[in-house]
């Protein structure tokens, strides 16, 4: 984690962030995994434990690197404090496969319950209302397929930590070639100064986008969401617990009361098929994630897929990508 984080730390270190890291609101995120429960099965093998705390810290340092704006950086650090245990998996509990926005609680509501955090924000002149309007911080957050720091870390850590398709040197190289440009709407957005770097990044986006639309990720999230629903129905875990307890403590409940959890933990083979299975299976569409970077050209700033045929093909493949109709783990007949 230290090697990955160090890539994004600016020479002018934002010391004002440090006091926020010890607040109860931020500390809670140390016990929420970033990969939505994929750490709990051998279907995946993350390089190391990466939490919402780690992600928040990386996004904050990215934001500072590109803006050197104190308020934007503080907002970036706190942008995920409303995330429940298992993150977007809990959107599946509510049947929200396509938007994946249902489970997150309002940032401002979470902050209001932390007096220490409120004191720090007051000292730094940051209004609580700022956290309900993240669109005012486009370097941190914007609409796909635009690129922002939140989305950027998702792509980079997917390729490095989660799927191991790129090493730390490739991550460094991509980040080193990023700059702030003005997009079609006249708003600041991170992009690239050369087409080669934009191509390298677009290849990473393809890996990221296809994995998050693929059956393996969907299966893991759907299985855990079904366990959460049953645990809540049987009063073993409440939905409020997801915002208060450690993810590891909730997993211990699953281990104790769900015999399929051990099979899920040991599973290392997902069977993808177009034939209807008899086991517990998945078959649904999920949120399409994407990012088409800006690139500075001789004729001005353009989306990379508009200036390179090779990059255009990458995004056409992302747009048309579909996994098989069904997927299941042979050992898991039911939750």
Protein backbone atom coordinates (compact mmCIF):
# COMPACT_ATOMS: atom_id res chain seq x y z
CA UNK A 1 0.00 0.00 0.00
CA UNK A 2 2.82 2.44 0.85
CA UNK A 3 4.37 2.05 -2.60
CA UNK A 4 1.03 2.64 -4.30
CA UNK A 5 0.11 5.64 -2.13
CA UNK A 6 3.54 7.22 -2.62
CA UNK A 7 2.88 7.61 -6.35
CA UNK A 8 0.20 10.21 -5.66
CA UNK A 9 1.75 12.19 -2.78
CA UNK A 10 2.76 15.64 -3.98
CA UNK A 11 6.07 17.26 -3.06
CA UNK A 12 4.07 19.86 -1.14
CA UNK A 13 2.47 17.50 1.39
CA UNK A 14 -1.05 18.54 2.56
CA UNK A 15 -0.43 18.33 6.32
CA UNK A 16 -3.93 19.63 7.04
CA UNK A 17 -5.28 16.19 6.11
CA UNK A 18 -3.55 14.32 8.89
CA UNK A 19 -5.88 15.34 11.70
CA UNK A 20 -8.90 14.04 9.79
CA UNK A 21 -7.43 10.54 9.49
CA UNK A 22 -7.86 9.79 13.20
CA UNK A 23 -11.54 10.76 13.40
CA UNK A 24 -14.02 7.95 14.06
CA UNK A 25 -15.69 8.64 10.73
CA UNK A 26 -12.50 8.01 8.78
CA UNK A 27 -11.30 5.17 11.00
CA UNK A 28 -14.51 3.24 10.26
CA UNK A 29 -13.48 3.05 6.61
CA UNK A 30 -10.42 0.99 7.56
CA UNK A 31 -12.85 -1.90 8.07
CA UNK A 32 -14.69 -1.56 4.76
CA UNK A 33 -13.00 -3.35 1.87
CA UNK A 34 -12.76 -1.55 -1.46
CA UNK A 35 -13.55 -4.49 -3.72
CA UNK A 36 -17.13 -5.03 -2.53
CA UNK A 37 -16.47 -8.38 -0.85
CA UNK A 38 -14.18 -9.90 -3.47
CA UNK A 39 -11.53 -10.33 -0.76
CA UNK A 40 -13.61 -13.13 0.80
CA UNK A 41 -13.41 -15.67 -2.02
CA UNK A 42 -10.60 -17.38 -3.92
CA UNK A 43 -12.30 -16.37 -7.15
CA UNK A 44 -10.13 -13.28 -6.73
CA UNK A 45 -6.69 -12.74 -5.26
CA UNK A 46 -6.02 -9.04 -4.47
CA UNK A 47 -2.35 -8.17 -4.11
CA UNK A 48 -3.02 -6.76 -0.64
CA UNK A 49 -5.92 -5.52 1.48
CA UNK A 50 -7.21 -2.26 0.05
CA UNK A 51 -9.90 -0.49 2.06
CA UNK A 52 -12.22 2.48 1.58
CA UNK A 53 -9.86 4.33 3.92
CA UNK A 54 -6.96 3.64 1.56
CA UNK A 55 -9.02 4.65 -1.47
CA UNK A 56 -10.13 7.87 0.23
CA UNK A 57 -6.56 8.76 1.12
CA UNK A 58 -5.33 8.11 -2.43
CA UNK A 59 -8.17 10.16 -3.95
CA UNK A 60 -7.44 13.03 -1.57
CA UNK A 61 -3.76 13.09 -2.51
CA UNK A 62 -4.64 12.88 -6.20
CA UNK A 63 -7.00 15.82 -5.79
CA UNK A 64 -4.35 17.86 -4.00
CA UNK A 65 -1.80 17.01 -6.72
CA UNK A 66 -4.08 18.32 -9.46
CA UNK A 67 -5.66 21.29 -7.65
CA UNK A 68 -3.61 22.33 -4.61
CA UNK A 69 -6.98 23.40 -3.27
CA UNK A 70 -7.52 22.74 0.44
CA UNK A 71 -11.31 22.52 0.39
CA UNK A 72 -11.41 20.18 -2.62
CA UNK A 73 -8.84 17.93 -0.98
CA UNK A 74 -10.74 17.69 2.32
CA UNK A 75 -13.98 16.95 0.47
CA UNK A 76 -12.11 14.27 -1.50
CA UNK A 77 -10.89 12.62 1.69
CA UNK A 78 -14.42 12.41 3.07
CA UNK A 79 -16.27 11.61 -0.16
CA UNK A 80 -16.89 7.94 0.77
CA UNK A 81 -17.79 8.18 4.47
CA UNK A 82 -21.37 7.09 3.70
CA UNK A 83 -20.21 3.74 2.29
CA UNK A 84 -21.56 0.59 4.03
CA UNK A 85 -19.67 -2.65 4.62
CA UNK A 86 -19.25 -4.51 1.30
CA UNK A 87 -19.79 -1.16 -0.48
CA UNK A 88 -21.73 -1.46 -3.76
CA UNK A 89 -22.73 -5.03 -2.93
CA UNK A 90 -25.36 -3.49 -0.65
CA UNK A 91 -26.89 -1.76 -3.68
CA UNK A 92 -27.71 -5.29 -4.83
CA UNK A 93 -29.63 -5.83 -1.59
CA UNK A 94 -31.98 -3.10 -2.81
CA UNK A 95 -32.05 -4.45 -6.37
CA UNK A 96 -30.05 -1.46 -7.62
CA UNK A 97 -27.79 -3.21 -10.12
CA UNK A 98 -27.69 -0.49 -12.76
CA UNK A 99 -27.12 2.77 -10.87
CA UNK A 100 -25.44 1.43 -7.70
CA UNK A 101 -26.30 4.55 -5.71
CA UNK A 102 -28.96 3.32 -3.26
CA UNK A 103 -26.89 2.15 -0.30
CA UNK A 104 -24.63 5.16 0.32
CA UNK A 105 -25.80 7.42 3.11
CA UNK A 106 -25.56 11.18 2.80
CA UNK A 107 -22.05 12.34 3.60
CA UNK A 108 -23.37 15.29 5.56
CA UNK A 109 -25.50 13.00 7.75
CA UNK A 110 -22.47 10.88 8.63
CA UNK A 111 -20.35 13.94 9.39
CA UNK A 112 -22.98 15.44 11.72
CA UNK A 113 -22.48 12.49 14.08
CA UNK A 114 -18.76 13.20 14.53
CA UNK A 115 -18.10 16.25 16.75
CA UNK A 116 -14.35 16.07 16.26
CA UNK A 117 -14.77 16.09 12.50
CA UNK A 118 -17.18 19.02 12.68
CA UNK A 119 -14.61 20.98 14.68
CA UNK A 120 -11.90 20.36 12.09
CA UNK A 121 -14.15 21.36 9.20
CA UNK A 122 -15.07 24.56 11.01
CA UNK A 123 -11.39 25.34 11.60
CA UNK A 124 -10.66 24.81 7.90
CA UNK A 125 -13.68 26.78 6.73
CA UNK A 126 -15.37 23.88 4.95
CA UNK A 127 -19.19 23.93 5.00
CA UNK A 128 -21.11 20.69 5.58
CA UNK A 129 -23.30 21.67 2.62
CA UNK A 130 -20.24 21.20 0.38
CA UNK A 131 -20.54 17.44 0.75
CA UNK A 132 -24.02 17.36 -0.77
CA UNK A 133 -22.76 19.02 -3.95
CA UNK A 134 -19.77 16.96 -5.11
CA UNK A 135 -20.41 18.07 -8.68
CA UNK A 136 -18.87 21.39 -7.63
CA UNK A 137 -15.52 19.56 -7.41
CA UNK A 138 -15.09 18.16 -10.96
CA UNK A 139 -11.51 17.00 -10.42
CA UNK A 140 -12.83 14.77 -7.63
CA UNK A 141 -16.22 13.72 -9.07
CA UNK A 142 -17.99 13.98 -12.40
CA UNK A 143 -20.25 11.97 -14.67
CA UNK A 144 -18.93 9.00 -16.66
CA UNK A 145 -17.29 8.81 -19.17
CA UNK A 146 -15.47 11.90 -17.96
CA UNK A 147 -12.41 11.22 -15.82
CA UNK A 148 -12.04 12.28 -12.19
CA UNK A 149 -9.84 11.25 -9.26
CA UNK A 150 -12.44 8.91 -7.77
CA UNK A 151 -12.79 7.06 -11.09
CA UNK A 152 -9.05 7.25 -11.78
CA UNK A 153 -8.14 5.38 -8.61
CA UNK A 154 -10.79 2.78 -9.40
CA UNK A 155 -9.11 2.08 -12.74
CA UNK A 156 -5.53 2.11 -11.45
CA UNK A 157 -6.10 -0.02 -8.38
CA UNK A 158 -8.17 -2.50 -10.40
CA UNK A 159 -5.24 -3.09 -12.75
CA UNK A 160 -2.57 -3.14 -10.06
CA UNK A 161 -4.03 -4.43 -6.78
CA UNK A 162 -7.08 -6.38 -7.85
CA UNK A 163 -6.31 -8.04 -11.19
CA UNK A 164 -2.48 -7.72 -11.35
CA UNK A 165 -2.45 -6.74 -15.04
CA UNK A 166 -0.10 -3.79 -14.51
CA UNK A 167 2.89 -3.36 -12.21
CA UNK A 168 3.67 -0.35 -10.04
CA UNK A 169 5.99 1.16 -12.68
CA UNK A 170 3.18 1.22 -15.26
CA UNK A 171 0.90 2.92 -12.75
CA UNK A 172 3.58 5.54 -12.08
CA UNK A 173 4.12 6.12 -15.78
CA UNK A 174 0.44 6.70 -16.50
CA UNK A 175 -0.05 9.05 -13.56
CA UNK A 176 3.09 11.04 -14.38
CA UNK A 177 1.65 11.92 -17.79
CA UNK A 178 -1.65 13.29 -16.50
CA UNK A 179 -2.55 16.98 -16.58
CA UNK A 180 -5.59 19.17 -15.99
CA UNK A 181 -7.38 20.23 -19.18
CA UNK A 182 -10.63 22.02 -20.00
CA UNK A 183 -13.33 19.71 -21.34
CA UNK A 184 -16.22 20.29 -23.77
CA UNK A 185 -18.21 22.02 -21.03
CA UNK A 186 -15.36 24.36 -20.14
CA UNK A 187 -14.80 22.57 -16.83
CA UNK A 188 -11.53 21.29 -15.45
CA UNK A 189 -10.92 17.58 -16.04
CA UNK A 190 -7.83 15.40 -15.81
CA UNK A 191 -6.44 14.00 -19.07
CA UNK A 192 -3.23 13.53 -21.04
CA UNK A 193 -0.82 15.66 -23.02
CA UNK A 194 0.04 12.90 -25.51
CA UNK A 195 -1.84 10.17 -27.35
CA UNK A 196 0.53 7.36 -26.32
CA UNK A 197 -0.27 7.86 -22.64
CA UNK A 198 -3.97 8.14 -23.45
CA UNK A 199 -3.75 4.82 -25.32
CA UNK A 200 -2.00 3.08 -22.41
CA UNK A 201 -4.65 4.37 -20.04
CA UNK A 202 -7.53 3.41 -22.35
CA UNK A 203 -6.23 -0.17 -22.36
CA UNK A 204 -6.44 -0.09 -18.55
CA UNK A 205 -9.99 1.26 -18.75
CA UNK A 206 -10.92 -1.70 -20.94
CA UNK A 207 -9.73 -4.16 -18.28
CA UNK A 208 -11.57 -2.25 -15.56
CA UNK A 209 -14.83 -1.81 -17.46
CA UNK A 210 -15.07 -5.41 -18.65
CA UNK A 211 -14.28 -6.87 -15.23
CA UNK A 212 -16.99 -4.80 -13.56
CA UNK A 213 -19.52 -5.87 -16.20
CA UNK A 214 -18.35 -9.48 -16.07
CA UNK A 215 -20.01 -12.44 -14.40
CA UNK A 216 -17.32 -13.08 -11.79
CA UNK A 217 -17.70 -9.70 -10.11
CA UNK A 218 -21.49 -9.87 -10.40
CA UNK A 219 -21.58 -13.35 -8.88
CA UNK A 220 -19.52 -12.35 -5.85
CA UNK A 221 -21.61 -9.26 -5.17
CA UNK A 222 -24.92 -11.05 -5.74
CA UNK A 223 -23.99 -13.95 -3.47
CA UNK A 224 -22.94 -11.66 -0.61
CA UNK A 225 -26.04 -9.50 -1.07
CA UNK A 226 -28.25 -12.57 -0.70
CA UNK A 227 -26.40 -13.55 2.48
CA UNK A 228 -26.88 -10.02 3.83
CA UNK A 229 -30.62 -10.16 3.06
CA UNK A 230 -31.04 -13.49 4.83
CA UNK A 231 -28.95 -12.35 7.81
CA UNK A 232 -31.10 -9.25 8.10
CA UNK A 233 -34.34 -11.25 7.74
CA UNK A 234 -33.22 -13.60 10.52
CA UNK A 235 -32.13 -10.66 12.71
CA UNK A 236 -28.48 -11.74 12.70
CA UNK A 237 -27.27 -8.51 11.13
CA UNK A 238 -29.24 -5.29 10.70
CA UNK A 239 -28.82 -2.98 7.74
CA UNK A 240 -27.73 -0.29 10.21
CA UNK A 241 -24.89 -2.59 11.32
CA UNK A 242 -23.40 -2.17 7.85
CA UNK A 243 -22.63 1.46 8.70
CA UNK A 244 -21.39 0.86 12.23
CA UNK A 245 -19.71 -2.53 12.58
CA UNK A 246 -16.47 -3.86 11.15
CA UNK A 247 -16.88 -5.81 7.96
CA UNK A 248 -14.78 -8.61 9.46
CA UNK A 249 -17.20 -8.95 12.41
CA UNK A 250 -20.14 -9.31 10.05
CA UNK A 251 -18.23 -11.94 8.07
CA UNK A 252 -17.83 -13.95 11.28
CA UNK A 253 -21.63 -14.03 11.55
CA UNK A 254 -21.84 -15.30 7.99
CA UNK A 255 -19.30 -18.03 8.72
CA UNK A 256 -21.28 -19.18 11.73
CA UNK A 257 -24.77 -19.25 10.26
CA UNK A 258 -24.35 -19.90 6.52
CA UNK A 259 -22.87 -23.22 5.46
CA UNK A 260 -22.40 -21.98 1.89
CA UNK A 261 -20.04 -19.22 3.07
CA UNK A 262 -17.14 -21.64 3.49
CA UNK A 263 -17.74 -22.93 -0.04
CA UNK A 264 -17.85 -19.35 -1.30
CA UNK A 265 -14.61 -18.62 0.52
CA UNK A 266 -12.84 -21.59 -1.07
CA UNK A 267 -14.38 -21.24 -4.53
CA UNK A 268 -11.81 -20.79 -7.28
CA UNK A 269 -13.78 -21.56 -10.42
CA UNK A 270 -16.80 -19.74 -11.82
CA UNK A 271 -18.66 -21.59 -14.54
CA UNK A 272 -19.99 -19.24 -17.23
CA UNK A 273 -22.67 -20.67 -19.52
CA UNK A 274 -25.61 -19.81 -21.74
CA UNK A 275 -27.57 -22.79 -20.37
CA UNK A 276 -29.82 -22.30 -17.34
CA UNK A 277 -28.06 -23.81 -14.28
CA UNK A 278 -29.67 -25.59 -11.33
CA UNK A 279 -27.27 -24.10 -8.78
CA UNK A 280 -27.38 -20.62 -7.28
CA UNK A 281 -26.60 -18.49 -10.33
CA UNK A 282 -26.56 -14.92 -11.61
CA UNK A 283 -28.09 -13.48 -14.75
CA UNK A 284 -28.60 -9.71 -14.93
CA UNK A 285 -27.12 -6.51 -16.30
CA UNK A 286 -25.12 -4.25 -14.05
CA UNK A 287 -23.75 -0.73 -14.07
CA UNK A 288 -21.49 0.02 -17.01
CA UNK A 289 -18.38 1.78 -15.84
CA UNK A 290 -16.19 3.69 -18.24
CA UNK A 291 -13.79 6.61 -18.64
CA UNK A 292 -12.75 8.19 -21.94
CA UNK A 293 -9.82 10.51 -21.25
CA UNK A 294 -9.17 13.90 -22.76
CA UNK A 295 -5.97 14.36 -24.74
CA UNK A 296 -4.25 17.57 -25.84
CA UNK A 297 -3.72 17.58 -29.62
CA UNK A 298 -2.52 20.03 -32.25
CA UNK A 299 -6.15 20.94 -32.96
CA UNK A 300 -7.12 21.32 -29.32
CA UNK A 301 -8.40 19.16 -26.47
CA UNK A 302 -10.38 16.12 -27.65
CA UNK A 303 -11.69 12.84 -26.29
CA UNK A 304 -9.10 10.17 -27.00
CA UNK A 305 -11.51 7.98 -28.97
CA UNK A 306 -12.05 10.86 -31.40
CA UNK A 307 -8.38 11.24 -32.35
CA UNK A 308 -7.12 7.65 -32.47
CA UNK A 309 -8.64 4.73 -34.40
CA UNK A 310 -6.89 2.28 -32.05
CA UNK A 311 -8.47 3.91 -29.01
CA UNK A 312 -11.82 4.14 -30.78
CA UNK A 313 -11.81 0.34 -31.22
CA UNK A 314 -11.10 -0.13 -27.50
CA UNK A 315 -14.20 1.85 -26.54
CA UNK A 316 -16.37 0.16 -29.15
CA UNK A 317 -15.38 -3.18 -27.62
CA UNK A 318 -16.22 -1.91 -24.13
CA UNK A 319 -19.63 -0.70 -25.34
CA UNK A 320 -20.49 -4.04 -26.97
CA UNK A 321 -19.07 -6.30 -24.24
CA UNK A 322 -21.37 -8.97 -22.79
CA UNK A 323 -20.54 -11.99 -20.67
CA UNK A 324 -22.47 -15.26 -20.87
CA UNK A 325 -26.13 -15.33 -19.80
CA UNK A 326 -25.47 -17.27 -16.60
CA UNK A 327 -22.69 -18.01 -14.13
CA UNK A 328 -22.45 -20.25 -11.08
CA UNK A 329 -20.09 -22.02 -8.70
CA UNK A 330 -20.61 -25.77 -8.84
CA UNK A 331 -20.18 -26.28 -5.09
CA UNK A 332 -22.82 -23.69 -4.15
CA UNK A 333 -26.31 -25.03 -4.78
CA UNK A 334 -28.03 -22.38 -2.67
CA UNK A 335 -27.12 -19.55 -0.29
